[in-house]
Amino acid sequence: MKKRLVLWGENPEKERVLVAIGYDGSESAVKTYIFPESVATEEFVNQMMNLWREGNEVPFPDLKDEMEVKITEADNLIPEGYSTERDDLIDKAKAEWVYLFMSEKLASVYKGELEEIGDKIENARRFEQTHWDELKNFWEKVQEQIREKNLFHTHYKSLRESVNSHFDRLKELRKELDEILRKDSESKRDEFYAELSEIEKKIEEGMGLKPLFEDLKDIQRRFKNSKLVRDHRNKVFKRIDGLFKVVKKKRFGEKATKPGASRTQRRYDGLINAIKKMEKSVDRDKKELDFQDKRIESTAGQLESQIRKAKIKMIEERMRSKQVKLDEMLGIKEQLEDRLKVEKEKEEQKKRQAEVEKRKEEAKKKIEEEMKAKKEQLKEEEDKIKKAAESLGADAKQSKPSTKQDTKIEDAKEKKAGDKTSAEKSSGKPKSESAEMDKIIASAAALAETIKQGDTSEEE
């Protein structure tokens, strides 16, 4: 962006003149010089075109007209009645210089703000997070103006050097604070370790688990409110969590250590929390946007108005980006809900199937027990019949029956057959058992008959 113009033009009398226009940023003013053709020698014109226009100083002849106006108040950059060969270049330069003035004004405001922040940092005796956050927010604001091209590279470079030096100072202070915090953290870590080691020892000795569980809960509460560096916090948490699992396992068994929710459910719960946070963030941006809209209506000054507009645009873009992300999260939420529904149906089906299998197993076990009892009962009855048959055979062998005895045996057989039939009817025993008993009785009778014949032969 050039700050000087050199053009040929005419005065009100239509005489040829050389017009030189330059913007002075230090005074926020535009200075116009008009040289009559009589002093505009070839050498002077070349010096103006090649040197002065590029920012170098050139000695001016005494014979000239001058005009100076503030850039914010200038309607015309050349006197009334004068004209140039390229009035459009003058209008373009005027617009650029107004923009340059506003940019320099904005850079000046930022430099003043940075000086205030720098004074706080330089006078600080120890690290304060508020100083860090303030400087960080300031630098983000500057970068936003750079992206919007409201500040130029020279402004950016100057501000960056100052911001970096302040950040270096804060890093030194934070390093000193970190050393102090780390020593304090080591002391607190060792205290927690000692308490946890004592509880671990009591667990191994078989002390009461309920009081130990309460002790762990008390340690956990104090641990959450303690100030520990990250690695110390992670190590202490790991030991507390491990002891909780040991105590729960001893008190409640294996089920206590198993997770209660599925991986999908845990993802869904985490996503719901993330959606809530994102929605709150979008609501905050909406409130900020409403606030900026109201402020811009009462803003006095073009510079502040432009800054407000830039900020509004920044918030709108941020909201749009968040909304895109929120829409994606809501889409994932629907997918997880469908998946949870399917998992729930599968789980219910699995429970129903398990219940059916359980009933089948119970019915099978009951049938097996009944069959076993029946089998034992039949075996007992069979043993009784065999003993009865053996006893009957032994009695027949010891006795010497006569012809009358044969008749008695036959009568006994018939009588037993009749008694058997009556017994079957009265006892309701199955025919298969009666047939078996008939066979045994018949065998016993045949055995007795053989014994009798053997005795008769001996007598003859």
Foldseek 3Di string as FASTA:
>chain_A
DFFKDWFWKAALVRFIWIKIWGADLVVQKIKIKIGGPVPCDPVNVCCCVPPVRRPHDDDDDPPIDMDMDHLVPDPDRDDPSMDTPCVVVVVVSSVVSVLVNLLVVVLVVLVVVLVVLLVCLVPDPAADVVSVVVLVVSVVLVVLCVVVVSHDPVSVVVVVVSSVVSVVSNVVRVVVVVVVQAVVQVVVLVVLVVQLVVLVVCVVVPHDLVVSLVVLVVSVVVLVVDRHPDVSNVVSVVSSVVVNLVSQCVVPNPVSNDDPDDPLVVVLVVLVVVLVVLVVVLVVLVVVLVVLVVVLVVDDDPSVNVSSVSVNVVSVVVSVVSVVVSVVSVVVNVVSVVVVVVVVVVVVVVVVVVVVVVVVVVVVVVVVVVVVVVVVVVVVVVVVLVVVLVVLLVVLLVDADDPVVLVVLVVVLVVVLVVLVVCCVVVVDDPVVSVVSNVSVVVSSVSSVVSNVVVVVVVD
